[in-house]
PDB file of all heavy atoms in Angstrom:
ATOM      1  N   GLY A   1       0.728  -1.249   0.016  1.00  0.00           N
ATOM      2  CA  GLY A   1       0.013  -0.034   0.000  1.00  0.00           C
ATOM      3  C   GLY A   1       0.832   1.258  -0.014  1.00  0.00           C
ATOM      4  O   GLY A   1       0.382   2.312   0.464  1.00  0.00           O
ATOM      5  N   SER A   2       1.995   1.195  -0.528  1.00  0.00           N
ATOM      6  CA  SER A   2       2.902   2.349  -0.587  1.00  0.00           C
ATOM      7  C   SER A   2       2.274   3.311  -1.565  1.00  0.00           C
ATOM      8  O   SER A   2       1.590   2.993  -2.505  1.00  0.00           O
ATOM      9  CB  SER A   2       4.337   1.979  -1.014  1.00  0.00           C
ATOM     10  OG  SER A   2       4.271   1.362  -2.328  1.00  0.00           O
ATOM     11  N   LYS A   3       2.495   4.664  -1.220  1.00  0.00           N
ATOM     12  CA  LYS A   3       1.811   5.746  -2.000  1.00  0.00           C
ATOM     13  C   LYS A   3       2.883   6.614  -2.663  1.00  0.00           C
ATOM     14  O   LYS A   3       3.960   6.921  -2.061  1.00  0.00           O
ATOM     15  CB  LYS A   3       0.928   6.481  -1.126  1.00  0.00           C
ATOM     16  CG  LYS A   3      -0.155   5.646  -0.350  1.00  0.00           C
ATOM     17  CD  LYS A   3      -0.907   6.430   0.701  1.00  0.00           C
ATOM     18  CE  LYS A   3      -1.908   5.570   1.391  1.00  0.00           C
ATOM     19  NZ  LYS A   3      -2.658   6.362   2.394  1.00  0.00           N
ATOM     20  N   ASP A   4       2.420   7.177  -3.757  1.00  0.00           N
ATOM     21  CA  ASP A   4       3.230   8.184  -4.467  1.00  0.00           C
ATOM     22  C   ASP A   4       2.348   9.268  -5.001  1.00  0.00           C
ATOM     23  O   ASP A   4       1.205   8.968  -5.326  1.00  0.00           O
ATOM     24  CB  ASP A   4       3.996   7.595  -5.631  1.00  0.00           C
ATOM     25  CG  ASP A   4       5.143   6.690  -5.133  1.00  0.00           C
ATOM     26  OD1 ASP A   4       6.125   7.252  -4.636  1.00  0.00           O
ATOM     27  OD2 ASP A   4       5.113   5.506  -5.337  1.00  0.00           O
ATOM     28  N   TYR A   5       2.941  10.456  -4.935  1.00  0.00           N
ATOM     29  CA  TYR A   5       2.056  11.652  -5.397  1.00  0.00           C
ATOM     30  C   TYR A   5       2.826  12.550  -6.283  1.00  0.00           C
ATOM     31  O   TYR A   5       4.046  12.663  -6.307  1.00  0.00           O
ATOM     32  CB  TYR A   5       1.638  12.485  -4.162  1.00  0.00           C
ATOM     33  CG  TYR A   5       0.809  11.736  -3.183  1.00  0.00           C
ATOM     34  CD1 TYR A   5       1.390  11.134  -2.028  1.00  0.00           C
ATOM     35  CD2 TYR A   5      -0.591  11.707  -3.324  1.00  0.00           C
ATOM     36  CE1 TYR A   5       0.619  10.492  -1.122  1.00  0.00           C
ATOM     37  CE2 TYR A   5      -1.351  11.016  -2.345  1.00  0.00           C
ATOM     38  CZ  TYR A   5      -0.721  10.406  -1.346  1.00  0.00           C
ATOM     39  OH  TYR A   5      -1.543   9.703  -0.356  1.00  0.00           O
ATOM     40  N   ALA A   6       2.104  13.109  -7.187  1.00  0.00           N
ATOM     41  CA  ALA A   6       2.666  14.260  -8.001  1.00  0.00           C
ATOM     42  C   ALA A   6       3.064  15.448  -7.122  1.00  0.00           C
ATOM     43  O   ALA A   6       2.463  15.644  -6.044  1.00  0.00           O
ATOM     44  CB  ALA A   6       1.724  14.774  -9.027  1.00  0.00           C
ATOM     45  N   ASP A   7       4.194  16.046  -7.481  1.00  0.00           N
ATOM     46  CA  ASP A   7       4.597  17.067  -6.564  1.00  0.00           C
ATOM     47  C   ASP A   7       3.572  18.243  -6.390  1.00  0.00           C
ATOM     48  O   ASP A   7       3.511  18.862  -5.298  1.00  0.00           O
ATOM     49  CB  ASP A   7       5.935  17.748  -7.149  1.00  0.00           C
ATOM     50  CG  ASP A   7       7.208  16.873  -7.029  1.00  0.00           C
ATOM     51  OD1 ASP A   7       7.143  15.982  -6.156  1.00  0.00           O
ATOM     52  OD2 ASP A   7       8.084  17.166  -7.721  1.00  0.00           O
ATOM     53  N   SER A   8       2.755  18.420  -7.386  1.00  0.00           N
ATOM     54  CA  SER A   8       1.826  19.483  -7.334  1.00  0.00           C
ATOM     55  C   SER A   8       0.713  19.236  -6.316  1.00  0.00           C
ATOM     56  O   SER A   8      -0.047  20.166  -5.961  1.00  0.00           O
ATOM     57  CB  SER A   8       1.113  19.692  -8.720  1.00  0.00           C
ATOM     58  OG  SER A   8       0.554  18.470  -9.139  1.00  0.00           O
ATOM     59  N   VAL A   9       0.455  18.029  -5.907  1.00  0.00           N
ATOM     60  CA  VAL A   9      -0.616  17.672  -5.016  1.00  0.00           C
ATOM     61  C   VAL A   9      -0.126  17.099  -3.714  1.00  0.00           C
ATOM     62  O   VAL A   9      -0.977  16.920  -2.756  1.00  0.00           O
ATOM     63  CB  VAL A   9      -1.609  16.618  -5.663  1.00  0.00           C
ATOM     64  CG1 VAL A   9      -2.060  17.155  -6.967  1.00  0.00           C
ATOM     65  CG2 VAL A   9      -0.977  15.248  -5.731  1.00  0.00           C
ATOM     66  N   LYS A  10       1.166  16.886  -3.578  1.00  0.00           N
ATOM     67  CA  LYS A  10       1.690  16.318  -2.334  1.00  0.00           C
ATOM     68  C   LYS A  10       1.360  17.276  -1.086  1.00  0.00           C
ATOM     69  O   LYS A  10       1.449  18.430  -1.271  1.00  0.00           O
ATOM     70  CB  LYS A  10       3.248  16.113  -2.494  1.00  0.00           C
ATOM     71  CG  LYS A  10       3.934  15.293  -1.284  1.00  0.00           C
ATOM     72  CD  LYS A  10       5.309  14.909  -1.679  1.00  0.00           C
ATOM     73  CE  LYS A  10       5.320  13.932  -2.858  1.00  0.00           C
ATOM     74  NZ  LYS A  10       6.762  13.385  -3.137  1.00  0.00           N
ATOM     75  N   ASP A  11       1.017  16.601  -0.102  1.00  0.00           N
ATOM     76  CA  ASP A  11       0.616  17.261   1.214  1.00  0.00           C
ATOM     77  C   ASP A  11      -0.868  17.959   1.129  1.00  0.00           C
ATOM     78  O   ASP A  11      -1.249  18.513   2.109  1.00  0.00           O
ATOM     79  CB  ASP A  11       1.606  18.427   1.582  1.00  0.00           C
ATOM     80  CG  ASP A  11       3.038  17.820   1.872  1.00  0.00           C
ATOM     81  OD1 ASP A  11       3.093  16.662   2.391  1.00  0.00           O
ATOM     82  OD2 ASP A  11       3.966  18.541   1.599  1.00  0.00           O
ATOM     83  N   ARG A  12      -1.462  17.769  -0.050  1.00  0.00           N
ATOM     84  CA  ARG A  12      -2.806  18.227  -0.169  1.00  0.00           C
ATOM     85  C   ARG A  12      -3.775  17.016  -0.397  1.00  0.00           C
ATOM     86  O   ARG A  12      -4.967  17.041   0.031  1.00  0.00           O
ATOM     87  CB  ARG A  12      -3.018  19.263  -1.235  1.00  0.00           C
ATOM     88  CG  ARG A  12      -2.186  20.513  -1.018  1.00  0.00           C
ATOM     89  CD  ARG A  12      -2.520  21.643  -1.935  1.00  0.00           C
ATOM     90  NE  ARG A  12      -2.228  21.248  -3.368  1.00  0.00           N
ATOM     91  CZ  ARG A  12      -3.185  21.095  -4.345  1.00  0.00           C
ATOM     92  NH1 ARG A  12      -4.453  21.431  -4.073  1.00  0.00           N
ATOM     93  NH2 ARG A  12      -2.815  20.788  -5.473  1.00  0.00           N
ATOM     94  N   PHE A  13      -3.385  16.123  -1.197  1.00  0.00           N
ATOM     95  CA  PHE A  13      -4.200  14.967  -1.625  1.00  0.00           C
ATOM     96  C   PHE A  13      -3.729  13.678  -0.873  1.00  0.00           C
ATOM     97  O   PHE A  13      -2.541  13.538  -0.620  1.00  0.00           O
ATOM     98  CB  PHE A  13      -4.088  14.746  -3.155  1.00  0.00           C
ATOM     99  CG  PHE A  13      -4.774  15.751  -3.976  1.00  0.00           C
ATOM    100  CD1 PHE A  13      -5.135  17.014  -3.402  1.00  0.00           C
ATOM    101  CD2 PHE A  13      -4.881  15.477  -5.361  1.00  0.00           C
ATOM    102  CE1 PHE A  13      -5.750  17.917  -4.273  1.00  0.00           C
ATOM    103  CE2 PHE A  13      -5.414  16.484  -6.244  1.00  0.00           C
ATOM    104  CZ  PHE A  13      -5.861  17.647  -5.664  1.00  0.00           C
ATOM    105  N   THR A  14      -4.682  12.790  -0.702  1.00  0.00           N
ATOM    106  CA  THR A  14      -4.288  11.495  -0.042  1.00  0.00           C
ATOM    107  C   THR A  14      -5.067  10.399  -0.784  1.00  0.00           C
ATOM    108  O   THR A  14      -6.330  10.420  -0.963  1.00  0.00           O
ATOM    109  CB  THR A  14      -4.809  11.461   1.442  1.00  0.00           C
ATOM    110  OG1 THR A  14      -4.149  12.471   2.153  1.00  0.00           O
ATOM    111  CG2 THR A  14      -4.332  10.125   2.087  1.00  0.00           C
ATOM    112  N   ILE A  15      -4.358   9.344  -1.348  1.00  0.00           N
ATOM    113  CA  ILE A  15      -4.968   8.234  -1.886  1.00  0.00           C
ATOM    114  C   ILE A  15      -5.090   7.091  -0.954  1.00  0.00           C
ATOM    115  O   ILE A  15      -4.172   6.958  -0.059  1.00  0.00           O
ATOM    116  CB  ILE A  15      -4.125   7.794  -3.117  1.00  0.00           C
ATOM    117  CG1 ILE A  15      -4.940   6.686  -3.913  1.00  0.00           C
ATOM    118  CG2 ILE A  15      -2.760   7.380  -2.813  1.00  0.00           C
ATOM    119  CD1 ILE A  15      -4.298   6.396  -5.271  1.00  0.00           C
ATOM    120  N   SER A  16      -6.188   6.403  -0.913  1.00  0.00           N
ATOM    121  CA  SER A  16      -6.300   5.278  -0.032  1.00  0.00           C
ATOM    122  C   SER A  16      -7.191   4.156  -0.739  1.00  0.00           C
ATOM    123  O   SER A  16      -7.853   4.452  -1.821  1.00  0.00           O
ATOM    124  CB  SER A  16      -7.021   5.623   1.287  1.00  0.00           C
ATOM    125  OG  SER A  16      -8.259   6.157   1.055  1.00  0.00           O
ATOM    126  N   ARG A  17      -7.090   2.936  -0.211  1.00  0.00           N
ATOM    127  CA  ARG A  17      -7.796   1.900  -0.862  1.00  0.00           C
ATOM    128  C   ARG A  17      -8.467   1.043   0.303  1.00  0.00           C
ATOM    129  O   ARG A  17      -7.998   0.900   1.340  1.00  0.00           O
ATOM    130  CB  ARG A  17      -6.941   0.986  -1.753  1.00  0.00           C
ATOM    131  CG  ARG A  17      -5.954   0.259  -1.029  1.00  0.00           C
ATOM    132  CD  ARG A  17      -4.978  -0.449  -1.950  1.00  0.00           C
ATOM    133  NE  ARG A  17      -5.600  -1.482  -2.806  1.00  0.00           N
ATOM    134  CZ  ARG A  17      -5.131  -1.878  -3.944  1.00  0.00           C
ATOM    135  NH1 ARG A  17      -3.991  -1.465  -4.431  1.00  0.00           N
ATOM    136  NH2 ARG A  17      -5.773  -2.827  -4.604  1.00  0.00           N
ATOM    137  N   ASP A  18      -9.696   0.491  -0.113  1.00  0.00           N
ATOM    138  CA  ASP A  18     -10.377  -0.415   0.836  1.00  0.00           C
ATOM    139  C   ASP A  18     -10.633  -1.699  -0.001  1.00  0.00           C
ATOM    140  O   ASP A  18     -11.519  -1.697  -0.914  1.00  0.00           O
ATOM    141  CB  ASP A  18     -11.675   0.178   1.256  1.00  0.00           C
ATOM    142  CG  ASP A  18     -12.328  -0.634   2.375  1.00  0.00           C
ATOM    143  OD1 ASP A  18     -12.094  -1.879   2.339  1.00  0.00           O
ATOM    144  OD2 ASP A  18     -13.124  -0.064   3.174  1.00  0.00           O
ATOM    145  N   ASN A  19      -9.770  -2.719   0.150  1.00  0.00           N
ATOM    146  CA  ASN A  19      -9.910  -3.915  -0.698  1.00  0.00           C
ATOM    147  C   ASN A  19     -11.182  -4.638  -0.346  1.00  0.00           C
ATOM    148  O   ASN A  19     -11.777  -5.334  -1.277  1.00  0.00           O
ATOM    149  CB  ASN A  19      -8.724  -4.791  -0.470  1.00  0.00           C
ATOM    150  CG  ASN A  19      -7.458  -4.246  -1.003  1.00  0.00           C
ATOM    151  OD1 ASN A  19      -7.480  -3.401  -1.941  1.00  0.00           O
ATOM    152  ND2 ASN A  19      -6.390  -4.761  -0.631  1.00  0.00           N
ATOM    153  N   ALA A  20     -11.748  -4.546   0.803  1.00  0.00           N
ATOM    154  CA  ALA A  20     -12.981  -5.155   1.174  1.00  0.00           C
ATOM    155  C   ALA A  20     -14.149  -4.600   0.454  1.00  0.00           C
ATOM    156  O   ALA A  20     -15.200  -5.252   0.233  1.00  0.00           O
ATOM    157  CB  ALA A  20     -13.254  -5.144   2.683  1.00  0.00           C
ATOM    158  N   LYS A  21     -14.035  -3.281   0.004  1.00  0.00           N
ATOM    159  CA  LYS A  21     -15.130  -2.652  -0.662  1.00  0.00           C
ATOM    160  C   LYS A  21     -14.764  -2.433  -2.172  1.00  0.00           C
ATOM    161  O   LYS A  21     -15.601  -1.816  -2.849  1.00  0.00           O
ATOM    162  CB  LYS A  21     -15.418  -1.278  -0.052  1.00  0.00           C
ATOM    163  CG  LYS A  21     -15.949  -1.310   1.375  1.00  0.00           C
ATOM    164  CD  LYS A  21     -16.193   0.085   1.881  1.00  0.00           C
ATOM    165  CE  LYS A  21     -16.723   0.041   3.332  1.00  0.00           C
ATOM    166  NZ  LYS A  21     -16.962   1.396   3.876  1.00  0.00           N
ATOM    167  N   ASN A  22     -13.642  -2.925  -2.588  1.00  0.00           N
ATOM    168  CA  ASN A  22     -13.211  -2.793  -3.967  1.00  0.00           C
ATOM    169  C   ASN A  22     -13.242  -1.288  -4.387  1.00  0.00           C
ATOM    170  O   ASN A  22     -13.821  -1.015  -5.504  1.00  0.00           O
ATOM    171  CB  ASN A  22     -14.049  -3.602  -4.943  1.00  0.00           C
ATOM    172  CG  ASN A  22     -13.668  -5.106  -4.863  1.00  0.00           C
ATOM    173  OD1 ASN A  22     -12.811  -5.479  -4.036  1.00  0.00           O
ATOM    174  ND2 ASN A  22     -14.301  -5.889  -5.657  1.00  0.00           N
ATOM    175  N   THR A  23     -12.729  -0.457  -3.599  1.00  0.00           N
ATOM    176  CA  THR A  23     -12.951   0.962  -3.793  1.00  0.00           C
ATOM    177  C   THR A  23     -11.532   1.595  -3.543  1.00  0.00           C
ATOM    178  O   THR A  23     -10.918   1.377  -2.548  1.00  0.00           O
ATOM    179  CB  THR A  23     -14.064   1.622  -2.908  1.00  0.00           C
ATOM    180  OG1 THR A  23     -15.262   0.892  -3.155  1.00  0.00           O
ATOM    181  CG2 THR A  23     -14.151   3.098  -3.182  1.00  0.00           C
ATOM    182  N   VAL A  24     -11.238   2.588  -4.324  1.00  0.00           N
ATOM    183  CA  VAL A  24     -10.085   3.516  -4.113  1.00  0.00           C
ATOM    184  C   VAL A  24     -10.613   4.929  -4.029  1.00  0.00           C
ATOM    185  O   VAL A  24     -11.554   5.353  -4.657  1.00  0.00           O
ATOM    186  CB  VAL A  24      -9.041   3.393  -5.307  1.00  0.00           C
ATOM    187  CG1 VAL A  24      -9.691   3.744  -6.584  1.00  0.00           C
ATOM    188  CG2 VAL A  24      -7.812   4.279  -4.938  1.00  0.00           C
ATOM    189  N   TYR A  25      -9.964   5.762  -3.102  1.00  0.00           N
ATOM    190  CA  TYR A  25     -10.399   6.999  -2.789  1.00  0.00           C
ATOM    191  C   TYR A  25      -9.282   8.052  -3.096  1.00  0.00           C
ATOM    192  O   TYR A  25      -8.078   7.824  -3.100  1.00  0.00           O
ATOM    193  CB  TYR A  25     -10.770   7.112  -1.339  1.00  0.00           C
ATOM    194  CG  TYR A  25     -11.820   6.216  -0.855  1.00  0.00           C
ATOM    195  CD1 TYR A  25     -11.479   4.985  -0.288  1.00  0.00           C
ATOM    196  CD2 TYR A  25     -13.225   6.503  -1.052  1.00  0.00           C
ATOM    197  CE1 TYR A  25     -12.386   4.107   0.118  1.00  0.00           C
ATOM    198  CE2 TYR A  25     -14.098   5.576  -0.537  1.00  0.00           C
ATOM    199  CZ  TYR A  25     -13.741   4.446   0.058  1.00  0.00           C
ATOM    200  OH  TYR A  25     -14.709   3.503   0.391  1.00  0.00           O
ATOM    201  N   LEU A  26      -9.703   9.215  -3.318  1.00  0.00           N
ATOM    202  CA  LEU A  26      -8.777  10.341  -3.421  1.00  0.00           C
ATOM    203  C   LEU A  26      -9.403  11.551  -2.641  1.00  0.00           C
ATOM    204  O   LEU A  26     -10.279  12.143  -3.047  1.00  0.00           O
ATOM    205  CB  LEU A  26      -8.462  10.819  -4.831  1.00  0.00           C
ATOM    206  CG  LEU A  26      -7.444  11.864  -5.038  1.00  0.00           C
ATOM    207  CD1 LEU A  26      -6.041  11.331  -4.653  1.00  0.00           C
ATOM    208  CD2 LEU A  26      -7.393  12.443  -6.424  1.00  0.00           C
ATOM    209  N   GLN A  27      -8.757  11.784  -1.427  1.00  0.00           N
ATOM    210  CA  GLN A  27      -9.161  12.977  -0.690  1.00  0.00           C
ATOM    211  C   GLN A  27      -8.432  14.113  -1.051  1.00  0.00           C
ATOM    212  O   GLN A  27      -7.164  14.108  -1.079  1.00  0.00           O
ATOM    213  CB  GLN A  27      -8.900  12.671   0.833  1.00  0.00           C
ATOM    214  CG  GLN A  27      -9.270  13.772   1.800  1.00  0.00           C
ATOM    215  CD  GLN A  27     -10.634  14.038   1.799  1.00  0.00           C
ATOM    216  OE1 GLN A  27     -11.536  13.197   2.022  1.00  0.00           O
ATOM    217  NE2 GLN A  27     -11.040  15.338   1.742  1.00  0.00           N
ATOM    218  N   MET A  28      -9.091  15.119  -1.475  1.00  0.00           N
ATOM    219  CA  MET A  28      -8.438  16.354  -1.982  1.00  0.00           C
ATOM    220  C   MET A  28      -8.818  17.502  -1.058  1.00  0.00           C
ATOM    221  O   MET A  28      -9.949  17.892  -0.896  1.00  0.00           O
ATOM    222  CB  MET A  28      -8.886  16.600  -3.428  1.00  0.00           C
ATOM    223  CG  MET A  28      -8.759  15.538  -4.370  1.00  0.00           C
ATOM    224  SD  MET A  28      -9.163  15.905  -6.052  1.00  0.00           S
ATOM    225  CE  MET A  28     -10.996  16.187  -5.858  1.00  0.00           C
ATOM    226  N   ASN A  29      -7.687  18.120  -0.476  1.00  0.00           N
ATOM    227  CA  ASN A  29      -7.915  19.200   0.398  1.00  0.00           C
ATOM    228  C   ASN A  29      -7.192  20.450  -0.207  1.00  0.00           C
ATOM    229  O   ASN A  29      -6.348  20.324  -0.983  1.00  0.00           O
ATOM    230  CB  ASN A  29      -7.300  18.923   1.809  1.00  0.00           C
ATOM    231  CG  ASN A  29      -8.045  17.776   2.478  1.00  0.00           C
ATOM    232  OD1 ASN A  29      -9.286  17.630   2.296  1.00  0.00           O
ATOM    233  ND2 ASN A  29      -7.379  16.996   3.237  1.00  0.00           N
ATOM    234  N   SER A  30      -7.427  21.648   0.322  1.00  0.00           N
ATOM    235  CA  SER A  30      -6.835  22.853  -0.078  1.00  0.00           C
ATOM    236  C   SER A  30      -6.837  22.975  -1.601  1.00  0.00           C
ATOM    237  O   SER A  30      -5.890  23.305  -2.119  1.00  0.00           O
ATOM    238  CB  SER A  30      -5.433  22.979   0.469  1.00  0.00           C
ATOM    239  OG  SER A  30      -5.439  22.843   1.861  1.00  0.00           O
ATOM    240  N   LEU A  31      -7.961  22.833  -2.165  1.00  0.00           N
ATOM    241  CA  LEU A  31      -8.022  22.692  -3.667  1.00  0.00           C
ATOM    242  C   LEU A  31      -7.721  24.142  -4.291  1.00  0.00           C
ATOM    243  O   LEU A  31      -8.021  25.171  -3.726  1.00  0.00           O
ATOM    244  CB  LEU A  31      -9.397  22.311  -4.074  1.00  0.00           C
ATOM    245  CG  LEU A  31      -9.577  20.685  -3.943  1.00  0.00           C
ATOM    246  CD1 LEU A  31     -11.055  20.438  -3.971  1.00  0.00           C
ATOM    247  CD2 LEU A  31      -8.935  20.076  -5.170  1.00  0.00           C
ATOM    248  N   LYS A  32      -7.041  24.052  -5.382  1.00  0.00           N
ATOM    249  CA  LYS A  32      -6.702  25.262  -6.176  1.00  0.00           C
ATOM    250  C   LYS A  32      -7.351  25.188  -7.512  1.00  0.00           C
ATOM    251  O   LYS A  32      -7.755  24.157  -8.004  1.00  0.00           O
ATOM    252  CB  LYS A  32      -5.188  25.283  -6.345  1.00  0.00           C
ATOM    253  CG  LYS A  32      -4.315  25.157  -4.984  1.00  0.00           C
ATOM    254  CD  LYS A  32      -2.860  25.033  -5.407  1.00  0.00           C
ATOM    255  CE  LYS A  32      -2.039  24.993  -4.102  1.00  0.00           C
ATOM    256  NZ  LYS A  32      -0.579  24.793  -4.455  1.00  0.00           N
ATOM    257  N   THR A  33      -7.429  26.325  -8.169  1.00  0.00           N
ATOM    258  CA  THR A  33      -8.044  26.407  -9.431  1.00  0.00           C
ATOM    259  C   THR A  33      -7.374  25.547 -10.464  1.00  0.00           C
ATOM    260  O   THR A  33      -8.082  25.003 -11.352  1.00  0.00           O
ATOM    261  CB  THR A  33      -8.198  27.866  -9.958  1.00  0.00           C
ATOM    262  OG1 THR A  33      -6.778  28.457 -10.005  1.00  0.00           O
ATOM    263  CG2 THR A  33      -8.989  28.783  -9.072  1.00  0.00           C
ATOM    264  N   GLU A  34      -6.033  25.394 -10.317  1.00  0.00           N
ATOM    265  CA  GLU A  34      -5.345  24.630 -11.218  1.00  0.00           C
ATOM    266  C   GLU A  34      -5.537  23.024 -11.010  1.00  0.00           C
ATOM    267  O   GLU A  34      -5.067  22.241 -11.774  1.00  0.00           O
ATOM    268  CB  GLU A  34      -3.869  24.902 -11.215  1.00  0.00           C
ATOM    269  CG  GLU A  34      -3.295  24.779  -9.752  1.00  0.00           C
ATOM    270  CD  GLU A  34      -3.094  26.213  -9.111  1.00  0.00           C
ATOM    271  OE1 GLU A  34      -4.071  27.000  -9.219  1.00  0.00           O
ATOM    272  OE2 GLU A  34      -2.059  26.504  -8.591  1.00  0.00           O
ATOM    273  N   ASP A  35      -6.398  22.722  -9.949  1.00  0.00           N
ATOM    274  CA  ASP A  35      -6.703  21.282  -9.861  1.00  0.00           C
ATOM    275  C   ASP A  35      -7.974  20.895 -10.718  1.00  0.00           C
ATOM    276  O   ASP A  35      -8.354  19.757 -10.754  1.00  0.00           O
ATOM    277  CB  ASP A  35      -7.056  21.079  -8.360  1.00  0.00           C
ATOM    278  CG  ASP A  35      -5.865  21.108  -7.430  1.00  0.00           C
ATOM    279  OD1 ASP A  35      -4.714  20.705  -7.909  1.00  0.00           O
ATOM    280  OD2 ASP A  35      -6.049  21.677  -6.351  1.00  0.00           O
ATOM    281  N   THR A  36      -8.543  21.928 -11.350  1.00  0.00           N
ATOM    282  CA  THR A  36      -9.699  21.676 -12.209  1.00  0.00           C
ATOM    283  C   THR A  36      -9.297  20.767 -13.322  1.00  0.00           C
ATOM    284  O   THR A  36      -8.354  20.973 -14.091  1.00  0.00           O
ATOM    285  CB  THR A  36     -10.252  22.958 -12.762  1.00  0.00           C
ATOM    286  OG1 THR A  36     -10.673  23.862 -11.675  1.00  0.00           O
ATOM    287  CG2 THR A  36     -11.324  22.753 -13.744  1.00  0.00           C
ATOM    288  N   ALA A  37     -10.043  19.649 -13.444  1.00  0.00           N
ATOM    289  CA  ALA A  37      -9.775  18.654 -14.441  1.00  0.00           C
ATOM    290  C   ALA A  37     -10.819  17.531 -14.362  1.00  0.00           C
ATOM    291  O   ALA A  37     -11.579  17.529 -13.415  1.00  0.00           O
ATOM    292  CB  ALA A  37      -8.382  18.049 -14.274  1.00  0.00           C
ATOM    293  N   VAL A  38     -10.790  16.687 -15.331  1.00  0.00           N
ATOM    294  CA  VAL A  38     -11.520  15.411 -15.200  1.00  0.00           C
ATOM    295  C   VAL A  38     -10.531  14.417 -14.569  1.00  0.00           C
ATOM    296  O   VAL A  38      -9.484  14.218 -15.008  1.00  0.00           O
ATOM    297  CB  VAL A  38     -11.951  14.817 -16.596  1.00  0.00           C
ATOM    298  CG1 VAL A  38     -12.663  13.534 -16.453  1.00  0.00           C
ATOM    299  CG2 VAL A  38     -12.961  15.882 -17.224  1.00  0.00           C
ATOM    300  N   TYR A  39     -11.028  13.792 -13.531  1.00  0.00           N
ATOM    301  CA  TYR A  39     -10.244  12.799 -12.728  1.00  0.00           C
ATOM    302  C   TYR A  39     -10.646  11.421 -13.073  1.00  0.00           C
ATOM    303  O   TYR A  39     -11.859  11.023 -13.051  1.00  0.00           O
ATOM    304  CB  TYR A  39     -10.387  13.070 -11.259  1.00  0.00           C
ATOM    305  CG  TYR A  39      -9.545  14.305 -10.800  1.00  0.00           C
ATOM    306  CD1 TYR A  39     -10.009  15.538 -11.140  1.00  0.00           C
ATOM    307  CD2 TYR A  39      -8.444  14.194 -10.007  1.00  0.00           C
ATOM    308  CE1 TYR A  39      -9.310  16.695 -10.754  1.00  0.00           C
ATOM    309  CE2 TYR A  39      -7.702  15.324  -9.590  1.00  0.00           C
ATOM    310  CZ  TYR A  39      -8.146  16.535  -9.988  1.00  0.00           C
ATOM    311  OH  TYR A  39      -7.424  17.509  -9.577  1.00  0.00           O
ATOM    312  N   TYR A  40      -9.683  10.612 -13.467  1.00  0.00           N
ATOM    313  CA  TYR A  40      -9.838   9.212 -13.770  1.00  0.00           C
ATOM    314  C   TYR A  40      -9.214   8.210 -12.816  1.00  0.00           C
ATOM    315  O   TYR A  40      -7.989   8.468 -12.448  1.00  0.00           O
ATOM    316  CB  TYR A  40      -9.332   8.858 -15.196  1.00  0.00           C
ATOM    317  CG  TYR A  40      -9.929   9.795 -16.220  1.00  0.00           C
ATOM    318  CD1 TYR A  40      -9.370  11.004 -16.574  1.00  0.00           C
ATOM    319  CD2 TYR A  40     -10.973   9.248 -16.997  1.00  0.00           C
ATOM    320  CE1 TYR A  40      -9.835  11.787 -17.627  1.00  0.00           C
ATOM    321  CE2 TYR A  40     -11.467  10.019 -18.063  1.00  0.00           C
ATOM    322  CZ  TYR A  40     -10.925  11.263 -18.335  1.00  0.00           C
ATOM    323  OH  TYR A  40     -11.410  12.085 -19.330  1.00  0.00           O
ATOM    324  N   CYS A  41      -9.817   7.153 -12.447  1.00  0.00           N
ATOM    325  CA  CYS A  41      -9.137   6.086 -11.689  1.00  0.00           C
ATOM    326  C   CYS A  41      -8.639   5.071 -12.650  1.00  0.00           C
ATOM    327  O   CYS A  41      -9.180   4.848 -13.700  1.00  0.00           O
ATOM    328  CB  CYS A  41     -10.018   5.502 -10.556  1.00  0.00           C
ATOM    329  SG  CYS A  41     -11.485   4.611 -11.216  1.00  0.00           S
ATOM    330  N   ASN A  42      -7.637   4.398 -12.189  1.00  0.00           N
ATOM    331  CA  ASN A  42      -6.878   3.434 -13.035  1.00  0.00           C
ATOM    332  C   ASN A  42      -6.464   2.270 -12.107  1.00  0.00           C
ATOM    333  O   ASN A  42      -6.052   2.501 -11.022  1.00  0.00           O
ATOM    334  CB  ASN A  42      -5.699   4.068 -13.681  1.00  0.00           C
ATOM    335  CG  ASN A  42      -4.651   3.029 -14.306  1.00  0.00           C
ATOM    336  OD1 ASN A  42      -3.689   2.700 -13.669  1.00  0.00           O
ATOM    337  ND2 ASN A  42      -5.027   2.560 -15.549  1.00  0.00           N
TER     338      ASN A  42
END
C-alpha cells in the first residue's frame, strides 16, 4: 500500500484503498483552481 504523489498535490491529496469494498479514494484538500480537471481512476 505504498503511496506516491505528484509534486503538485503532495501534502494536499491522499490516496487510499479499501480492498473489502473494492474501492479506491482520493481525498483532496486545499483545492486550487489549477486542480480543475476530469479525474480518472486506473
